[in-house]
Amino acid sequence: MIAERIHDQVCPHPNEVDRKRIEKTLAERERYKYVSPTVLPDMDGYLVRSPCCSRNVDQDGGVIDIARIEFQEGNFWRLYQKDDEKQRWRAHSEYLSLPVLLARLVADPKREFWR
C-alpha cells in the first residue's frame, strides 16, 4: 500500500483494494462503455484515465484524464474534473463516502467527466 502524509497522519489512500473497487464500479457507467478506463494511484487518492471516444478532447482518440478522486483530512472525498482548456484539475464536489462519489461519476448526467 502506498501511504502519504496528511498533516502528520498517514493517509490510507491510495490502496489497492479501493483502486480495484473504483475500477469495478466504473464498468457500470452510462457513457463510453466500450472503452476500459484505468485507475491509477495518485497523491492521497486515484486518477481515472480513459481513451477519448468522443474525440471532443483528443482528436486522435488518445488517453485523457477523466477524474481525480482524493481523500481529504476530515474523512471526506473530493472529486476533481479536468479543465481541458487550462490543463489543470478543478475541484468539482465533495462526498462523505466513496460509493456516493462513484455513483455521481458513473451517472455523469451533464457529461462533465466522460466527455
N, C-alpha and C. Protein backbone atom coordinates (compact mmCIF):
# COMPACT_ATOMS: atom_id res chain seq x y z
N MET A 1 0.84 -1.18 0.00
CA MET A 1 0.00 0.00 0.00
C MET A 1 0.88 1.24 0.00
N ILE A 2 0.48 2.21 -0.78
CA ILE A 2 1.17 3.49 -0.81
C ILE A 2 0.52 4.38 0.23
N ALA A 3 1.29 4.96 1.09
CA ALA A 3 0.72 5.84 2.11
C ALA A 3 1.40 7.20 2.03
N GLU A 4 0.62 8.24 2.03
CA GLU A 4 1.13 9.61 2.03
C GLU A 4 0.71 10.26 3.33
N ARG A 5 1.39 11.32 3.70
CA ARG A 5 1.08 12.00 4.94
C ARG A 5 0.09 13.15 4.73
N ILE A 6 -0.90 13.22 5.60
CA ILE A 6 -1.81 14.35 5.64
C ILE A 6 -1.67 14.95 7.03
N HIS A 7 -0.98 16.06 7.15
CA HIS A 7 -0.80 16.77 8.41
C HIS A 7 -0.46 15.81 9.55
N ASP A 8 0.65 15.14 9.42
CA ASP A 8 1.20 14.23 10.43
C ASP A 8 0.39 12.96 10.65
N GLN A 9 -0.56 12.66 9.80
CA GLN A 9 -1.29 11.40 9.87
C GLN A 9 -1.04 10.62 8.59
N VAL A 10 -0.99 9.32 8.69
CA VAL A 10 -0.82 8.50 7.50
C VAL A 10 -2.16 8.39 6.79
N CYS A 11 -2.17 8.73 5.52
CA CYS A 11 -3.39 8.64 4.72
C CYS A 11 -3.54 7.21 4.19
N PRO A 12 -4.71 6.62 4.32
CA PRO A 12 -4.90 5.25 3.85
C PRO A 12 -5.09 5.14 2.33
N HIS A 13 -4.97 6.24 1.63
CA HIS A 13 -5.20 6.24 0.18
C HIS A 13 -4.02 6.84 -0.53
N PRO A 14 -3.65 6.28 -1.65
CA PRO A 14 -4.32 5.19 -2.36
C PRO A 14 -3.99 3.82 -1.77
N ASN A 15 -4.86 2.87 -2.06
CA ASN A 15 -4.61 1.48 -1.71
C ASN A 15 -5.21 0.60 -2.80
N GLU A 16 -4.72 -0.60 -2.90
CA GLU A 16 -5.11 -1.50 -3.99
C GLU A 16 -6.56 -1.95 -3.91
N VAL A 17 -7.09 -2.14 -2.71
CA VAL A 17 -8.48 -2.59 -2.56
C VAL A 17 -9.44 -1.54 -3.12
N ASP A 18 -9.27 -0.29 -2.72
CA ASP A 18 -10.15 0.76 -3.22
C ASP A 18 -9.92 1.05 -4.70
N ARG A 19 -8.68 0.95 -5.14
CA ARG A 19 -8.40 1.15 -6.57
C ARG A 19 -9.19 0.15 -7.41
N LYS A 20 -9.17 -1.10 -7.01
CA LYS A 20 -9.92 -2.15 -7.73
C LYS A 20 -11.43 -1.92 -7.63
N ARG A 21 -11.89 -1.48 -6.46
CA ARG A 21 -13.32 -1.20 -6.27
C ARG A 21 -13.77 -0.07 -7.19
N ILE A 22 -12.95 0.95 -7.34
CA ILE A 22 -13.27 2.06 -8.24
C ILE A 22 -13.32 1.56 -9.68
N GLU A 23 -12.32 0.79 -10.06
CA GLU A 23 -12.27 0.23 -11.42
C GLU A 23 -13.52 -0.59 -11.73
N LYS A 24 -13.91 -1.44 -10.80
CA LYS A 24 -15.09 -2.29 -10.99
C LYS A 24 -16.36 -1.45 -11.09
N THR A 25 -16.50 -0.44 -10.25
CA THR A 25 -17.68 0.42 -10.27
C THR A 25 -17.76 1.21 -11.57
N LEU A 26 -16.64 1.66 -12.09
CA LEU A 26 -16.64 2.44 -13.34
C LEU A 26 -17.13 1.63 -14.53
N ALA A 27 -17.04 0.32 -14.44
CA ALA A 27 -17.54 -0.53 -15.52
C ALA A 27 -19.06 -0.43 -15.67
N GLU A 28 -19.73 0.10 -14.63
CA GLU A 28 -21.19 0.24 -14.65
C GLU A 28 -21.65 1.58 -15.22
N ARG A 29 -20.73 2.40 -15.71
CA ARG A 29 -21.09 3.75 -16.15
C ARG A 29 -22.01 3.73 -17.36
N GLU A 30 -22.65 4.85 -17.59
CA GLU A 30 -23.61 5.01 -18.68
C GLU A 30 -22.94 5.33 -20.01
N ARG A 31 -21.89 6.10 -19.99
CA ARG A 31 -21.26 6.59 -21.22
C ARG A 31 -19.98 5.83 -21.57
N TYR A 32 -19.74 5.70 -22.86
CA TYR A 32 -18.49 5.13 -23.39
C TYR A 32 -18.15 3.78 -22.75
N LYS A 33 -19.13 2.90 -22.74
CA LYS A 33 -18.95 1.58 -22.13
C LYS A 33 -17.99 0.68 -22.92
N TYR A 34 -17.69 1.07 -24.15
CA TYR A 34 -16.84 0.23 -24.99
C TYR A 34 -15.36 0.51 -24.82
N VAL A 35 -14.98 1.39 -23.92
CA VAL A 35 -13.56 1.60 -23.59
C VAL A 35 -13.33 1.21 -22.15
N SER A 36 -12.11 0.88 -21.84
CA SER A 36 -11.77 0.48 -20.47
C SER A 36 -10.93 1.56 -19.80
N PRO A 37 -11.51 2.25 -18.82
CA PRO A 37 -10.73 3.25 -18.10
C PRO A 37 -9.71 2.57 -17.19
N THR A 38 -8.67 3.30 -16.85
CA THR A 38 -7.68 2.81 -15.88
C THR A 38 -7.75 3.69 -14.65
N VAL A 39 -7.49 3.09 -13.51
CA VAL A 39 -7.46 3.82 -12.25
C VAL A 39 -6.06 3.66 -11.69
N LEU A 40 -5.39 4.79 -11.55
CA LEU A 40 -4.00 4.79 -11.09
C LEU A 40 -3.90 5.41 -9.71
N PRO A 41 -2.95 4.94 -8.89
CA PRO A 41 -2.73 5.59 -7.60
C PRO A 41 -2.23 7.02 -7.85
N ASP A 42 -2.68 7.95 -7.02
CA ASP A 42 -2.28 9.35 -7.14
C ASP A 42 -2.16 9.90 -5.72
N MET A 43 -1.60 11.06 -5.55
CA MET A 43 -1.40 11.65 -4.24
C MET A 43 -2.72 11.66 -3.45
N ASP A 44 -2.76 10.91 -2.36
CA ASP A 44 -3.93 10.83 -1.47
C ASP A 44 -5.20 10.36 -2.17
N GLY A 45 -5.07 9.65 -3.28
CA GLY A 45 -6.27 9.18 -3.98
C GLY A 45 -5.97 8.46 -5.27
N TYR A 46 -6.77 8.77 -6.29
CA TYR A 46 -6.76 7.99 -7.51
C TYR A 46 -6.97 8.89 -8.73
N LEU A 47 -6.38 8.49 -9.83
CA LEU A 47 -6.52 9.19 -11.10
C LEU A 47 -7.23 8.26 -12.08
N VAL A 48 -8.31 8.73 -12.68
CA VAL A 48 -9.07 7.94 -13.66
C VAL A 48 -8.73 8.48 -15.04
N ARG A 49 -8.29 7.58 -15.92
CA ARG A 49 -7.94 7.94 -17.30
C ARG A 49 -8.65 6.97 -18.24
N SER A 50 -8.91 7.44 -19.47
CA SER A 50 -9.60 6.60 -20.43
C SER A 50 -9.31 7.08 -21.85
N PRO A 51 -9.38 6.17 -22.83
CA PRO A 51 -9.32 6.63 -24.22
C PRO A 51 -10.47 7.60 -24.50
N CYS A 52 -10.21 8.59 -25.31
CA CYS A 52 -11.21 9.61 -25.65
C CYS A 52 -12.00 9.13 -26.86
N CYS A 53 -13.20 8.63 -26.62
CA CYS A 53 -14.03 8.09 -27.69
C CYS A 53 -14.75 9.17 -28.48
N SER A 54 -15.13 10.25 -27.82
CA SER A 54 -15.92 11.29 -28.49
C SER A 54 -15.07 12.14 -29.43
N ARG A 55 -13.78 12.11 -29.23
CA ARG A 55 -12.84 12.95 -29.98
C ARG A 55 -13.03 14.43 -29.68
N ASN A 56 -13.80 14.75 -28.63
CA ASN A 56 -14.00 16.14 -28.23
C ASN A 56 -12.77 16.73 -27.56
N VAL A 57 -12.02 15.91 -26.85
CA VAL A 57 -10.85 16.39 -26.12
C VAL A 57 -9.58 16.07 -26.89
N ASP A 58 -9.49 14.86 -27.42
CA ASP A 58 -8.32 14.44 -28.19
C ASP A 58 -8.79 13.93 -29.54
N GLN A 59 -8.48 14.65 -30.59
CA GLN A 59 -8.92 14.31 -31.95
C GLN A 59 -8.46 12.91 -32.38
N ASP A 60 -7.33 12.46 -31.83
CA ASP A 60 -6.79 11.15 -32.21
C ASP A 60 -7.32 10.01 -31.35
N GLY A 61 -8.14 10.33 -30.38
CA GLY A 61 -8.71 9.29 -29.52
C GLY A 61 -7.74 8.77 -28.47
N GLY A 62 -6.74 9.56 -28.13
CA GLY A 62 -5.76 9.16 -27.13
C GLY A 62 -6.33 9.11 -25.73
N VAL A 63 -5.53 8.69 -24.79
CA VAL A 63 -5.93 8.57 -23.39
C VAL A 63 -5.99 9.97 -22.77
N ILE A 64 -7.10 10.25 -22.08
CA ILE A 64 -7.29 11.54 -21.43
C ILE A 64 -7.60 11.36 -19.95
N ASP A 65 -7.42 12.42 -19.20
CA ASP A 65 -7.79 12.42 -17.78
C ASP A 65 -9.30 12.58 -17.66
N ILE A 66 -9.92 11.71 -16.87
CA ILE A 66 -11.36 11.75 -16.65
C ILE A 66 -11.68 12.42 -15.32
N ALA A 67 -11.03 11.97 -14.24
CA ALA A 67 -11.32 12.49 -12.91
C ALA A 67 -10.17 12.20 -11.96
N ARG A 68 -10.10 13.01 -10.90
CA ARG A 68 -9.23 12.72 -9.75
C ARG A 68 -10.13 12.54 -8.56
N ILE A 69 -9.83 11.53 -7.77
CA ILE A 69 -10.58 11.23 -6.55
C ILE A 69 -9.57 11.33 -5.42
N GLU A 70 -9.84 12.20 -4.47
CA GLU A 70 -8.85 12.46 -3.42
C GLU A 70 -9.49 12.38 -2.04
N PHE A 71 -8.84 11.64 -1.15
CA PHE A 71 -9.28 11.55 0.23
C PHE A 71 -8.76 12.76 0.98
N GLN A 72 -9.63 13.41 1.75
CA GLN A 72 -9.28 14.66 2.42
C GLN A 72 -9.19 14.48 3.93
N GLU A 73 -8.36 15.30 4.55
CA GLU A 73 -8.32 15.35 6.00
C GLU A 73 -9.74 15.71 6.47
N GLY A 74 -10.23 15.02 7.46
CA GLY A 74 -11.61 15.21 7.90
C GLY A 74 -12.49 14.07 7.42
N ASN A 75 -11.87 13.10 6.75
CA ASN A 75 -12.55 11.88 6.31
C ASN A 75 -13.68 12.11 5.31
N PHE A 76 -13.40 12.88 4.28
CA PHE A 76 -14.35 13.01 3.18
C PHE A 76 -13.58 12.92 1.87
N TRP A 77 -14.31 12.82 0.80
CA TRP A 77 -13.73 12.64 -0.53
C TRP A 77 -14.01 13.87 -1.40
N ARG A 78 -13.04 14.23 -2.22
CA ARG A 78 -13.22 15.33 -3.17
C ARG A 78 -13.05 14.78 -4.58
N LEU A 79 -13.99 15.15 -5.44
CA LEU A 79 -13.95 14.75 -6.85
C LEU A 79 -13.50 15.96 -7.67
N TYR A 80 -12.52 15.75 -8.52
CA TYR A 80 -11.99 16.80 -9.38
C TYR A 80 -12.31 16.49 -10.83
N GLN A 81 -12.55 17.53 -11.61
CA GLN A 81 -12.71 17.37 -13.06
C GLN A 81 -11.58 18.12 -13.74
N LYS A 82 -11.25 17.69 -14.94
CA LYS A 82 -10.15 18.30 -15.68
C LYS A 82 -10.66 19.48 -16.49
N ASP A 83 -9.99 20.61 -16.36
CA ASP A 83 -10.24 21.76 -17.20
C ASP A 83 -9.33 21.58 -18.40
N ASP A 84 -9.88 21.09 -19.50
CA ASP A 84 -9.06 20.75 -20.67
C ASP A 84 -8.39 21.97 -21.28
N GLU A 85 -9.07 23.09 -21.25
CA GLU A 85 -8.52 24.31 -21.85
C GLU A 85 -7.29 24.80 -21.09
N LYS A 86 -7.38 24.78 -19.75
CA LYS A 86 -6.27 25.27 -18.92
C LYS A 86 -5.33 24.15 -18.49
N GLN A 87 -5.68 22.91 -18.82
CA GLN A 87 -4.88 21.74 -18.47
C GLN A 87 -4.56 21.66 -16.98
N ARG A 88 -5.64 21.82 -16.16
CA ARG A 88 -5.46 21.68 -14.72
C ARG A 88 -6.73 21.11 -14.10
N TRP A 89 -6.58 20.58 -12.89
CA TRP A 89 -7.69 19.99 -12.16
C TRP A 89 -8.48 21.07 -11.45
N ARG A 90 -9.80 20.90 -11.41
CA ARG A 90 -10.69 21.83 -10.73
C ARG A 90 -11.58 21.02 -9.79
N ALA A 91 -11.64 21.45 -8.52
CA ALA A 91 -12.50 20.75 -7.56
C ALA A 91 -13.94 20.83 -8.05
N HIS A 92 -14.61 19.69 -8.06
CA HIS A 92 -15.98 19.62 -8.55
C HIS A 92 -16.99 19.50 -7.41
N SER A 93 -16.78 18.52 -6.51
CA SER A 93 -17.75 18.26 -5.46
C SER A 93 -17.11 17.42 -4.36
N GLU A 94 -17.78 17.38 -3.20
CA GLU A 94 -17.28 16.63 -2.05
C GLU A 94 -18.34 15.65 -1.56
N TYR A 95 -17.88 14.52 -1.01
CA TYR A 95 -18.76 13.43 -0.60
C TYR A 95 -18.28 12.83 0.70
N LEU A 96 -19.22 12.34 1.50
CA LEU A 96 -18.87 11.70 2.76
C LEU A 96 -18.46 10.25 2.58
N SER A 97 -18.79 9.67 1.42
CA SER A 97 -18.41 8.28 1.18
C SER A 97 -17.96 8.09 -0.27
N LEU A 98 -17.08 7.14 -0.46
CA LEU A 98 -16.60 6.82 -1.80
C LEU A 98 -17.71 6.27 -2.69
N PRO A 99 -18.60 5.38 -2.20
CA PRO A 99 -19.68 4.89 -3.07
C PRO A 99 -20.58 6.00 -3.62
N VAL A 100 -20.87 7.02 -2.84
CA VAL A 100 -21.72 8.12 -3.31
C VAL A 100 -20.97 8.91 -4.39
N LEU A 101 -19.69 9.17 -4.17
CA LEU A 101 -18.88 9.85 -5.18
C LEU A 101 -18.87 9.05 -6.48
N LEU A 102 -18.67 7.75 -6.38
CA LEU A 102 -18.60 6.91 -7.57
C LEU A 102 -19.94 6.86 -8.30
N ALA A 103 -21.04 6.90 -7.57
CA ALA A 103 -22.36 6.93 -8.21
C ALA A 103 -22.49 8.18 -9.06
N ARG A 104 -22.00 9.30 -8.57
CA ARG A 104 -22.04 10.56 -9.33
C ARG A 104 -21.17 10.47 -10.57
N LEU A 105 -19.99 9.90 -10.43
CA LEU A 105 -19.07 9.78 -11.56
C LEU A 105 -19.60 8.81 -12.61
N VAL A 106 -20.21 7.74 -12.18
CA VAL A 106 -20.78 6.76 -13.11
C VAL A 106 -21.96 7.35 -13.88
N ALA A 107 -22.83 8.07 -13.20
CA ALA A 107 -24.01 8.64 -13.86
C ALA A 107 -23.63 9.79 -14.80
N ASP A 108 -22.84 10.72 -14.33
CA ASP A 108 -22.35 11.87 -15.09
C ASP A 108 -23.42 12.48 -16.01
N PRO A 109 -24.54 12.95 -15.45
CA PRO A 109 -25.65 13.42 -16.27
C PRO A 109 -25.33 14.61 -17.19
N LYS A 110 -24.36 15.43 -16.82
CA LYS A 110 -24.03 16.61 -17.63
C LYS A 110 -22.77 16.41 -18.49
N ARG A 111 -22.28 15.18 -18.55
CA ARG A 111 -21.07 14.87 -19.33
C ARG A 111 -19.89 15.75 -18.93
N GLU A 112 -19.72 15.92 -17.63
CA GLU A 112 -18.61 16.73 -17.12
C GLU A 112 -17.31 15.94 -17.04
N PHE A 113 -17.44 14.63 -16.97
CA PHE A 113 -16.26 13.78 -16.83
C PHE A 113 -16.04 12.93 -18.09
N TRP A 114 -17.05 12.17 -18.45
CA TRP A 114 -16.98 11.31 -19.64
C TRP A 114 -17.39 12.16 -20.84
N ARG A 115 -16.42 12.91 -21.37
CA ARG A 115 -16.72 13.89 -22.41
C ARG A 115 -16.09 13.55 -23.73
